[in-house]
Amino acid sequence: MNDATKQIAVTKLDAARRQLRTAIELWFNDGEPVSIHTLACAAYQIVHDLNKRKKGPPLWFDTDIVKDEHRKDFVRLVKASSNFFKHADLRKQQATSIEFKPATSDGFLLFAVVGLHVMGITINDIESAFMSWTLIHKPHFLKPEGRKVFFNDVPVDQTNKLKSIEKSEFFKAFLEVRREKRARGLSSE
């Protein structure tokens, strides 16, 4: 079969996981920030919608900390960069440029992984690497219960050592450790 006729079956969840994987890989390798953000937002949106359909707990767009009367404005603000990157509706007066903060992608990546977890989906090595890196460098992002789900207690001296490793090196080492564990039969994945 040549590439022009090849087709692949893709579910919504599969699309989200593929987008999330690529976004995280780019993120760890300091890839192109607009692409990371666009992929992270697309993945999160699918996870958010699937979680909502399953009547799962609130995620980022429907967080309990935002008052209902301000939710539309909050979501519009959170989605502003993503929408700018995806749409060029020339019928409307729109800005021709924006000030984009690449760090906002971290929230979309984080909540996409959290959303997968709350839906009972096993987190893969790539997603685990992102959560581990985030919780080593930004432990305040999650409550203690959340930290235990995604990052087993690591002694302070080891955490400090891990903080000094560059993102791309951490990623490679994390994946290698996971592969070695599986090869030795130490992981259930």
Protein backbone atom coordinates (compact mmCIF):
# COMPACT_ATOMS: atom_id res chain seq x y z
CA MET A 1 0.00 0.00 0.00
CA ASN A 2 1.46 3.38 -0.92
CA ASP A 3 1.32 6.37 1.41
CA ALA A 4 -1.43 8.07 -0.63
CA THR A 5 -3.91 5.28 0.11
CA LYS A 6 -2.72 4.36 3.62
CA GLN A 7 -5.21 4.99 6.41
CA ILE A 8 -4.94 4.60 10.15
CA ALA A 9 -7.77 4.28 12.62
CA VAL A 10 -7.50 6.92 15.33
CA THR A 11 -9.79 7.34 18.32
CA LYS A 12 -10.19 10.65 20.13
CA LEU A 13 -8.17 9.27 23.05
CA ASP A 14 -5.46 8.02 20.69
CA ALA A 15 -5.27 11.45 19.04
CA ALA A 16 -4.91 13.12 22.44
CA ARG A 17 -2.18 10.71 23.54
CA ARG A 18 -0.26 11.18 20.27
CA GLN A 19 -0.49 14.97 20.53
CA LEU A 20 0.49 14.86 24.20
CA ARG A 21 3.44 12.57 23.51
CA THR A 22 4.78 14.84 20.78
CA ALA A 23 4.25 17.97 22.88
CA ILE A 24 6.10 16.45 25.84
CA GLU A 25 8.97 15.20 23.68
CA LEU A 26 9.32 18.67 22.15
CA TRP A 27 9.04 20.26 25.60
CA PHE A 28 11.84 18.12 27.05
CA ASN A 29 14.06 18.97 24.10
CA ASP A 30 13.30 22.71 24.19
CA GLY A 31 11.49 22.44 20.87
CA GLU A 32 9.40 25.05 19.13
CA PRO A 33 7.17 26.68 21.80
CA VAL A 34 4.20 27.54 19.56
CA SER A 35 4.04 23.94 18.34
CA ILE A 36 4.31 22.62 21.90
CA HIS A 37 1.51 24.89 23.03
CA THR A 38 -0.78 24.05 20.11
CA LEU A 39 -0.31 20.30 20.59
CA ALA A 40 -0.66 20.52 24.39
CA CYS A 41 -3.88 22.54 24.10
CA ALA A 42 -5.37 20.17 21.53
CA ALA A 43 -4.53 17.15 23.68
CA TYR A 44 -5.91 18.78 26.81
CA GLN A 45 -9.15 19.79 25.06
CA ILE A 46 -9.82 16.19 24.03
CA VAL A 47 -8.98 14.85 27.50
CA HIS A 48 -11.16 17.55 29.07
CA ASP A 49 -14.10 16.69 26.82
CA LEU A 50 -13.76 12.92 27.37
CA ASN A 51 -13.50 13.42 31.14
CA LYS A 52 -16.57 15.67 31.13
CA ARG A 53 -18.51 13.09 29.08
CA LYS A 54 -17.61 10.47 31.73
CA LYS A 55 -18.75 12.93 34.42
CA GLY A 56 -15.24 12.94 35.87
CA PRO A 57 -13.94 15.46 38.38
CA PRO A 58 -13.30 19.06 37.34
CA LEU A 59 -10.11 19.74 35.42
CA TRP A 60 -8.65 23.09 34.39
CA PHE A 61 -11.49 24.57 32.34
CA ASP A 62 -14.11 23.63 34.93
CA THR A 63 -12.09 24.05 38.10
CA ASP A 64 -14.06 24.75 41.24
CA ILE A 65 -11.85 27.70 42.13
CA VAL A 66 -13.36 29.87 39.36
CA LYS A 67 -16.82 31.29 39.96
CA ASP A 68 -19.41 30.10 37.44
CA GLU A 69 -20.22 33.65 36.34
CA HIS A 70 -16.56 34.17 35.35
CA ARG A 71 -15.92 30.75 33.80
CA LYS A 72 -16.37 31.82 30.16
CA ASP A 73 -13.92 34.70 30.62
CA PHE A 74 -11.46 32.42 32.41
CA VAL A 75 -11.58 29.77 29.67
CA ARG A 76 -11.35 32.43 26.95
CA LEU A 77 -8.23 33.82 28.65
CA VAL A 78 -6.65 30.38 29.08
CA LYS A 79 -7.36 29.49 25.44
CA ALA A 80 -6.34 32.87 23.96
CA SER A 81 -2.88 31.86 22.70
CA SER A 82 -4.05 28.52 21.38
CA ASN A 83 -6.92 30.11 19.49
CA PHE A 84 -4.61 32.77 18.07
CA PHE A 85 -2.23 30.08 16.80
CA LYS A 86 -5.03 28.05 15.17
CA HIS A 87 -7.34 30.62 13.63
CA ALA A 88 -7.03 33.50 11.19
CA ASP A 89 -10.61 34.67 10.93
CA LEU A 90 -10.11 37.63 8.66
CA ARG A 91 -13.78 38.65 8.97
CA LYS A 92 -13.13 39.94 12.49
CA GLN A 93 -10.85 42.67 13.72
CA GLN A 94 -8.21 40.62 15.46
CA ALA A 95 -4.74 41.33 16.73
CA THR A 96 -1.99 40.45 14.28
CA SER A 97 0.37 39.45 17.09
CA ILE A 98 0.25 38.49 20.75
CA GLU A 99 2.60 38.28 23.69
CA PHE A 100 2.89 34.55 24.34
CA LYS A 101 4.25 33.00 27.52
CA PRO A 102 5.52 29.50 26.65
CA ALA A 103 5.34 28.43 30.31
CA THR A 104 1.54 28.38 29.99
CA SER A 105 1.94 25.17 27.99
CA ASP A 106 3.02 23.45 31.20
CA GLY A 107 -0.49 23.81 32.61
CA PHE A 108 -2.07 22.19 29.56
CA LEU A 109 0.43 19.32 29.69
CA LEU A 110 -0.09 18.88 33.44
CA PHE A 111 -3.88 18.85 33.26
CA ALA A 112 -3.89 16.56 30.23
CA VAL A 113 -1.92 13.96 32.21
CA VAL A 114 -4.03 14.49 35.34
CA GLY A 115 -7.16 14.10 33.20
CA LEU A 116 -5.94 10.79 31.80
CA HIS A 117 -5.24 9.58 35.33
CA VAL A 118 -8.65 10.56 36.73
CA MET A 119 -10.29 8.71 33.83
CA GLY A 120 -8.47 5.55 34.95
CA ILE A 121 -6.04 5.50 32.03
CA THR A 122 -2.54 4.21 32.77
CA ILE A 123 0.02 6.97 32.42
CA ASN A 124 2.80 6.02 29.99
CA ASP A 125 6.53 6.61 30.42
CA ILE A 126 6.55 9.90 28.49
CA GLU A 127 3.68 11.29 30.58
CA SER A 128 5.32 9.99 33.79
CA ALA A 129 8.58 11.69 32.86
CA PHE A 130 6.80 15.03 32.47
CA MET A 131 4.97 14.65 35.77
CA SER A 132 8.15 13.61 37.58
CA TRP A 133 10.14 16.54 36.17
CA THR A 134 7.34 18.95 37.06
CA LEU A 135 6.96 17.65 40.60
CA ILE A 136 10.72 17.75 41.21
CA HIS A 137 10.94 21.35 40.04
CA LYS A 138 7.47 22.61 41.01
CA PRO A 139 6.21 20.41 43.84
CA HIS A 140 3.74 23.11 44.89
CA PHE A 141 1.70 22.50 41.69
CA LEU A 142 -0.13 19.54 43.24
CA LYS A 143 -1.48 18.76 46.67
CA PRO A 144 0.36 16.06 48.66
CA GLU A 145 -2.18 13.44 47.52
CA GLY A 146 -1.50 14.33 43.90
CA ARG A 147 2.24 14.22 44.38
CA LYS A 148 1.95 10.68 45.79
CA VAL A 149 -0.04 9.54 42.75
CA PHE A 150 2.49 10.81 40.24
CA PHE A 151 5.74 10.89 42.14
CA ASN A 152 6.58 8.45 44.89
CA ASP A 153 8.53 9.94 47.75
CA VAL A 154 12.12 10.43 46.71
CA PRO A 155 14.70 11.31 49.36
CA VAL A 156 15.61 15.03 49.45
CA ASP A 157 19.24 14.39 48.48
CA GLN A 158 18.15 12.50 45.35
CA THR A 159 15.55 15.15 44.50
CA ASN A 160 18.23 17.84 44.76
CA LYS A 161 20.49 15.81 42.49
CA LEU A 162 17.67 15.37 39.97
CA LYS A 163 17.00 19.14 40.01
CA SER A 164 20.49 19.75 38.64
CA ILE A 165 20.01 17.58 35.54
CA GLU A 166 19.04 19.32 32.29
CA LYS A 167 15.53 18.54 31.01
CA SER A 168 16.67 16.59 27.96
CA GLU A 169 19.13 14.49 29.98
CA PHE A 170 16.52 13.82 32.66
CA PHE A 171 14.10 12.65 29.95
CA LYS A 172 16.61 10.26 28.38
CA ALA A 173 17.65 8.87 31.77
CA PHE A 174 14.04 8.50 32.97
CA LEU A 175 13.04 6.54 29.86
CA GLU A 176 16.15 4.37 30.09
CA VAL A 177 15.42 3.49 33.73
CA ARG A 178 11.85 2.56 32.77
CA ARG A 179 13.09 0.35 29.90
CA GLU A 180 15.59 -1.37 32.19
CA LYS A 181 12.91 -2.00 34.84
CA ARG A 182 10.63 -3.57 32.25
CA ALA A 183 13.47 -5.70 30.89
CA ARG A 184 14.11 -6.99 34.41
CA GLY A 185 10.39 -7.57 34.95
CA LEU A 186 10.14 -4.96 37.72
CA SER A 187 7.36 -2.92 36.19
CA SER A 188 3.74 -3.84 35.63
CA GLU A 189 3.58 -1.76 32.42
